[in-house]
Amino acid sequence: MTAEYLKKIKSEIEALESNTSWTKYTFEEVEKLNEKVQHIERLLEKNNLLLSQLIQIMNKE
């Protein structure tokens, strides 16, 4: 992952955090938020896999 990509994800998280209130959301807004959350979940899964692989490599050395 590049630094630019991580900055993009950080800005998306900050946007989500700034929008969390007792506001009523439309269905379309909820769908967009859900897509972003799913995207973040996929990134975290990839990150966990990469970290696991790195740990395995480090343990072999």
PDB file of N, CA and C in Angstrom:
ATOM      1  N   MET A   1       0.841  -1.183   0.000  1.00  0.00           N
ATOM      2  CA  MET A   1       0.000   0.000   0.000  1.00  0.00           C
ATOM      3  C   MET A   1       0.885   1.245   0.000  1.00  0.00           C
ATOM      4  N   THR A   2       0.517   2.183  -0.811  1.00  0.00           N
ATOM      5  CA  THR A   2       1.298   3.407  -0.887  1.00  0.00           C
ATOM      6  C   THR A   2       0.801   4.404   0.150  1.00  0.00           C
ATOM      7  N   ALA A   3       1.651   5.388   0.429  1.00  0.00           N
ATOM      8  CA  ALA A   3       1.280   6.423   1.393  1.00  0.00           C
ATOM      9  C   ALA A   3       0.060   7.197   0.902  1.00  0.00           C
ATOM     10  N   GLU A   4      -0.009   7.439  -0.403  1.00  0.00           N
ATOM     11  CA  GLU A   4      -1.147   8.171  -0.967  1.00  0.00           C
ATOM     12  C   GLU A   4      -2.448   7.390  -0.754  1.00  0.00           C
ATOM     13  N   TYR A   5      -2.380   6.091  -0.945  1.00  0.00           N
ATOM     14  CA  TYR A   5      -3.554   5.241  -0.768  1.00  0.00           C
ATOM     15  C   TYR A   5      -4.013   5.254   0.690  1.00  0.00           C
ATOM     16  N   LEU A   6      -3.050   5.176   1.612  1.00  0.00           N
ATOM     17  CA  LEU A   6      -3.389   5.207   3.033  1.00  0.00           C
ATOM     18  C   LEU A   6      -3.995   6.552   3.427  1.00  0.00           C
ATOM     19  N   LYS A   7      -3.501   7.640   2.822  1.00  0.00           N
ATOM     20  CA  LYS A   7      -4.079   8.964   3.090  1.00  0.00           C
ATOM     21  C   LYS A   7      -5.530   9.016   2.629  1.00  0.00           C
ATOM     22  N   LYS A   8      -5.812   8.391   1.471  1.00  0.00           N
ATOM     23  CA  LYS A   8      -7.179   8.361   0.954  1.00  0.00           C
ATOM     24  C   LYS A   8      -8.092   7.618   1.922  1.00  0.00           C
ATOM     25  N   ILE A   9      -7.633   6.475   2.403  1.00  0.00           N
ATOM     26  CA  ILE A   9      -8.423   5.693   3.358  1.00  0.00           C
ATOM     27  C   ILE A   9      -8.639   6.487   4.639  1.00  0.00           C
ATOM     28  N   LYS A  10      -7.581   7.161   5.111  1.00  0.00           N
ATOM     29  CA  LYS A  10      -7.703   7.967   6.328  1.00  0.00           C
ATOM     30  C   LYS A  10      -8.744   9.063   6.138  1.00  0.00           C
ATOM     31  N   SER A  11      -8.733   9.718   4.976  1.00  0.00           N
ATOM     32  CA  SER A  11      -9.708  10.781   4.734  1.00  0.00           C
ATOM     33  C   SER A  11     -11.126  10.223   4.674  1.00  0.00           C
ATOM     34  N   GLU A  12     -11.282   9.004   4.140  1.00  0.00           N
ATOM     35  CA  GLU A  12     -12.607   8.379   4.118  1.00  0.00           C
ATOM     36  C   GLU A  12     -13.086   8.070   5.533  1.00  0.00           C
ATOM     37  N   ILE A  13     -12.181   7.577   6.361  1.00  0.00           N
ATOM     38  CA  ILE A  13     -12.539   7.286   7.752  1.00  0.00           C
ATOM     39  C   ILE A  13     -12.918   8.569   8.475  1.00  0.00           C
ATOM     40  N   GLU A  14     -12.141   9.627   8.264  1.00  0.00           N
ATOM     41  CA  GLU A  14     -12.450  10.912   8.902  1.00  0.00           C
ATOM     42  C   GLU A  14     -13.792  11.452   8.430  1.00  0.00           C
ATOM     43  N   ALA A  15     -14.089  11.267   7.152  1.00  0.00           N
ATOM     44  CA  ALA A  15     -15.382  11.711   6.631  1.00  0.00           C
ATOM     45  C   ALA A  15     -16.517  10.934   7.288  1.00  0.00           C
ATOM     46  N   LEU A  16     -16.312   9.631   7.456  1.00  0.00           N
ATOM     47  CA  LEU A  16     -17.323   8.819   8.140  1.00  0.00           C
ATOM     48  C   LEU A  16     -17.499   9.275   9.581  1.00  0.00           C
ATOM     49  N   GLU A  17     -16.374   9.532  10.255  1.00  0.00           N
ATOM     50  CA  GLU A  17     -16.442   9.965  11.651  1.00  0.00           C
ATOM     51  C   GLU A  17     -17.141  11.314  11.781  1.00  0.00           C
ATOM     52  N   SER A  18     -16.895  12.221  10.847  1.00  0.00           N
ATOM     53  CA  SER A  18     -17.511  13.542  10.933  1.00  0.00           C
ATOM     54  C   SER A  18     -19.008  13.482  10.642  1.00  0.00           C
ATOM     55  N   ASN A  19     -19.443  12.434   9.968  1.00  0.00           N
ATOM     56  CA  ASN A  19     -20.861  12.285   9.632  1.00  0.00           C
ATOM     57  C   ASN A  19     -21.638  11.473  10.656  1.00  0.00           C
ATOM     58  N   THR A  20     -20.951  10.940  11.657  1.00  0.00           N
ATOM     59  CA  THR A  20     -21.661  10.121  12.634  1.00  0.00           C
ATOM     60  C   THR A  20     -22.332  11.014  13.665  1.00  0.00           C
ATOM     61  N   SER A  21     -23.607  11.064  13.579  1.00  0.00           N
ATOM     62  CA  SER A  21     -24.424  11.834  14.516  1.00  0.00           C
ATOM     63  C   SER A  21     -25.826  11.227  14.465  1.00  0.00           C
ATOM     64  N   TRP A  22     -26.740  11.915  15.074  1.00  0.00           N
ATOM     65  CA  TRP A  22     -28.112  11.419  15.076  1.00  0.00           C
ATOM     66  C   TRP A  22     -28.879  11.917  13.851  1.00  0.00           C
ATOM     67  N   THR A  23     -28.170  12.064  12.766  1.00  0.00           N
ATOM     68  CA  THR A  23     -28.774  12.519  11.524  1.00  0.00           C
ATOM     69  C   THR A  23     -29.539  11.374  10.871  1.00  0.00           C
ATOM     70  N   LYS A  24     -30.634  11.709  10.268  1.00  0.00           N
ATOM     71  CA  LYS A  24     -31.359  10.695   9.501  1.00  0.00           C
ATOM     72  C   LYS A  24     -30.727  10.611   8.117  1.00  0.00           C
ATOM     73  N   TYR A  25     -30.363   9.400   7.731  1.00  0.00           N
ATOM     74  CA  TYR A  25     -29.734   9.185   6.434  1.00  0.00           C
ATOM     75  C   TYR A  25     -30.747   8.613   5.453  1.00  0.00           C
ATOM     76  N   THR A  26     -30.569   8.976   4.197  1.00  0.00           N
ATOM     77  CA  THR A  26     -31.386   8.359   3.159  1.00  0.00           C
ATOM     78  C   THR A  26     -30.833   6.968   2.883  1.00  0.00           C
ATOM     79  N   PHE A  27     -31.621   6.165   2.220  1.00  0.00           N
ATOM     80  CA  PHE A  27     -31.183   4.814   1.876  1.00  0.00           C
ATOM     81  C   PHE A  27     -29.912   4.859   1.031  1.00  0.00           C
ATOM     82  N   GLU A  28     -29.855   5.800   0.096  1.00  0.00           N
ATOM     83  CA  GLU A  28     -28.685   5.917  -0.772  1.00  0.00           C
ATOM     84  C   GLU A  28     -27.440   6.267   0.037  1.00  0.00           C
ATOM     85  N   GLU A  29     -27.578   7.144   1.023  1.00  0.00           N
ATOM     86  CA  GLU A  29     -26.440   7.518   1.867  1.00  0.00           C
ATOM     87  C   GLU A  29     -25.960   6.331   2.693  1.00  0.00           C
ATOM     88  N   VAL A  30     -26.905   5.564   3.207  1.00  0.00           N
ATOM     89  CA  VAL A  30     -26.545   4.377   3.985  1.00  0.00           C
ATOM     90  C   VAL A  30     -25.826   3.367   3.093  1.00  0.00           C
ATOM     91  N   GLU A  31     -26.292   3.204   1.875  1.00  0.00           N
ATOM     92  CA  GLU A  31     -25.639   2.289   0.934  1.00  0.00           C
ATOM     93  C   GLU A  31     -24.206   2.733   0.649  1.00  0.00           C
ATOM     94  N   LYS A  32     -23.999   4.032   0.456  1.00  0.00           N
ATOM     95  CA  LYS A  32     -22.648   4.546   0.203  1.00  0.00           C
ATOM     96  C   LYS A  32     -21.746   4.314   1.409  1.00  0.00           C
ATOM     97  N   LEU A  33     -22.269   4.571   2.599  1.00  0.00           N
ATOM     98  CA  LEU A  33     -21.483   4.323   3.810  1.00  0.00           C
ATOM     99  C   LEU A  33     -21.153   2.840   3.947  1.00  0.00           C
ATOM    100  N   ASN A  34     -22.115   2.000   3.639  1.00  0.00           N
ATOM    101  CA  ASN A  34     -21.902   0.557   3.711  1.00  0.00           C
ATOM    102  C   ASN A  34     -20.815   0.114   2.736  1.00  0.00           C
ATOM    103  N   GLU A  35     -20.817   0.672   1.537  1.00  0.00           N
ATOM    104  CA  GLU A  35     -19.781   0.346   0.554  1.00  0.00           C
ATOM    105  C   GLU A  35     -18.405   0.744   1.076  1.00  0.00           C
ATOM    106  N   LYS A  36     -18.312   1.901   1.700  1.00  0.00           N
ATOM    107  CA  LYS A  36     -17.032   2.352   2.248  1.00  0.00           C
ATOM    108  C   LYS A  36     -16.571   1.439   3.378  1.00  0.00           C
ATOM    109  N   VAL A  37     -17.494   1.037   4.225  1.00  0.00           N
ATOM    110  CA  VAL A  37     -17.148   0.133   5.328  1.00  0.00           C
ATOM    111  C   VAL A  37     -16.669  -1.207   4.771  1.00  0.00           C
ATOM    112  N   GLN A  38     -17.349  -1.717   3.769  1.00  0.00           N
ATOM    113  CA  GLN A  38     -16.933  -2.977   3.154  1.00  0.00           C
ATOM    114  C   GLN A  38     -15.552  -2.846   2.526  1.00  0.00           C
ATOM    115  N   HIS A  39     -15.286  -1.702   1.911  1.00  0.00           N
ATOM    116  CA  HIS A  39     -13.967  -1.449   1.322  1.00  0.00           C
ATOM    117  C   HIS A  39     -12.893  -1.458   2.410  1.00  0.00           C
ATOM    118  N   ILE A  40     -13.169  -0.808   3.511  1.00  0.00           N
ATOM    119  CA  ILE A  40     -12.219  -0.769   4.628  1.00  0.00           C
ATOM    120  C   ILE A  40     -12.009  -2.174   5.188  1.00  0.00           C
ATOM    121  N   GLU A  41     -13.078  -2.948   5.299  1.00  0.00           N
ATOM    122  CA  GLU A  41     -12.958  -4.332   5.784  1.00  0.00           C
ATOM    123  C   GLU A  41     -12.057  -5.158   4.874  1.00  0.00           C
ATOM    124  N   ARG A  42     -12.220  -4.987   3.557  1.00  0.00           N
ATOM    125  CA  ARG A  42     -11.365  -5.722   2.615  1.00  0.00           C
ATOM    126  C   ARG A  42      -9.907  -5.306   2.779  1.00  0.00           C
ATOM    127  N   LEU A  43      -9.668  -4.020   2.968  1.00  0.00           N
ATOM    128  CA  LEU A  43      -8.300  -3.545   3.177  1.00  0.00           C
ATOM    129  C   LEU A  43      -7.705  -4.122   4.449  1.00  0.00           C
ATOM    130  N   LEU A  44      -8.499  -4.174   5.498  1.00  0.00           N
ATOM    131  CA  LEU A  44      -8.011  -4.737   6.754  1.00  0.00           C
ATOM    132  C   LEU A  44      -7.709  -6.228   6.613  1.00  0.00           C
ATOM    133  N   GLU A  45      -8.544  -6.938   5.874  1.00  0.00           N
ATOM    134  CA  GLU A  45      -8.294  -8.364   5.641  1.00  0.00           C
ATOM    135  C   GLU A  45      -6.988  -8.566   4.879  1.00  0.00           C
ATOM    136  N   LYS A  46      -6.767  -7.747   3.838  1.00  0.00           N
ATOM    137  CA  LYS A  46      -5.516  -7.835   3.077  1.00  0.00           C
ATOM    138  C   LYS A  46      -4.327  -7.498   3.966  1.00  0.00           C
ATOM    139  N   ASN A  47      -4.492  -6.471   4.780  1.00  0.00           N
ATOM    140  CA  ASN A  47      -3.422  -6.055   5.681  1.00  0.00           C
ATOM    141  C   ASN A  47      -3.084  -7.179   6.659  1.00  0.00           C
ATOM    142  N   ASN A  48      -4.097  -7.823   7.214  1.00  0.00           N
ATOM    143  CA  ASN A  48      -3.870  -8.935   8.140  1.00  0.00           C
ATOM    144  C   ASN A  48      -3.146 -10.086   7.453  1.00  0.00           C
ATOM    145  N   LEU A  49      -3.524 -10.376   6.222  1.00  0.00           N
ATOM    146  CA  LEU A  49      -2.860 -11.439   5.476  1.00  0.00           C
ATOM    147  C   LEU A  49      -1.389 -11.098   5.245  1.00  0.00           C
ATOM    148  N   LEU A  50      -1.123  -9.858   4.832  1.00  0.00           N
ATOM    149  CA  LEU A  50       0.257  -9.437   4.600  1.00  0.00           C
ATOM    150  C   LEU A  50       1.072  -9.481   5.884  1.00  0.00           C
ATOM    151  N   LEU A  51       0.472  -9.064   6.977  1.00  0.00           N
ATOM    152  CA  LEU A  51       1.179  -9.114   8.254  1.00  0.00           C
ATOM    153  C   LEU A  51       1.474 -10.553   8.663  1.00  0.00           C
ATOM    154  N   SER A  52       0.533 -11.443   8.444  1.00  0.00           N
ATOM    155  CA  SER A  52       0.747 -12.860   8.758  1.00  0.00           C
ATOM    156  C   SER A  52       1.894 -13.428   7.931  1.00  0.00           C
ATOM    157  N   GLN A  53       1.914 -13.086   6.656  1.00  0.00           N
ATOM    158  CA  GLN A  53       2.990 -13.555   5.783  1.00  0.00           C
ATOM    159  C   GLN A  53       4.334 -12.993   6.229  1.00  0.00           C
ATOM    160  N   LEU A  54       4.352 -11.735   6.606  1.00  0.00           N
ATOM    161  CA  LEU A  54       5.589 -11.109   7.076  1.00  0.00           C
ATOM    162  C   LEU A  54       6.094 -11.782   8.345  1.00  0.00           C
ATOM    163  N   ILE A  55       5.187 -12.077   9.255  1.00  0.00           N
ATOM    164  CA  ILE A  55       5.568 -12.748  10.505  1.00  0.00           C
ATOM    165  C   ILE A  55       6.140 -14.128  10.203  1.00  0.00           C
ATOM    166  N   GLN A  56       5.529 -14.852   9.274  1.00  0.00           N
ATOM    167  CA  GLN A  56       6.040 -16.174   8.902  1.00  0.00           C
ATOM    168  C   GLN A  56       7.448 -16.069   8.328  1.00  0.00           C
ATOM    169  N   ILE A  57       7.673 -15.085   7.484  1.00  0.00           N
ATOM    170  CA  ILE A  57       9.001 -14.889   6.890  1.00  0.00           C
ATOM    171  C   ILE A  57      10.019 -14.548   7.966  1.00  0.00           C
ATOM    172  N   MET A  58       9.630 -13.672   8.874  1.00  0.00           N
ATOM    173  CA  MET A  58      10.549 -13.263   9.940  1.00  0.00           C
ATOM    174  C   MET A  58      10.871 -14.441  10.861  1.00  0.00           C
ATOM    175  N   ASN A  59       9.907 -15.298  11.109  1.00  0.00           N
ATOM    176  CA  ASN A  59      10.129 -16.462  11.972  1.00  0.00           C
ATOM    177  C   ASN A  59      11.055 -17.488  11.323  1.00  0.00           C
ATOM    178  N   LYS A  60      11.071 -17.539   9.996  1.00  0.00           N
ATOM    179  CA  LYS A  60      11.938 -18.479   9.287  1.00  0.00           C
ATOM    180  C   LYS A  60      13.396 -18.035   9.319  1.00  0.00           C
ATOM    181  N   GLU A  61      13.625 -16.737   9.465  1.00  0.00           N
ATOM    182  CA  GLU A  61      14.998 -16.212   9.444  1.00  0.00           C
ATOM    183  C   GLU A  61      15.714 -16.409  10.736  1.00  0.00           C
TER     184      GLU A  61
END
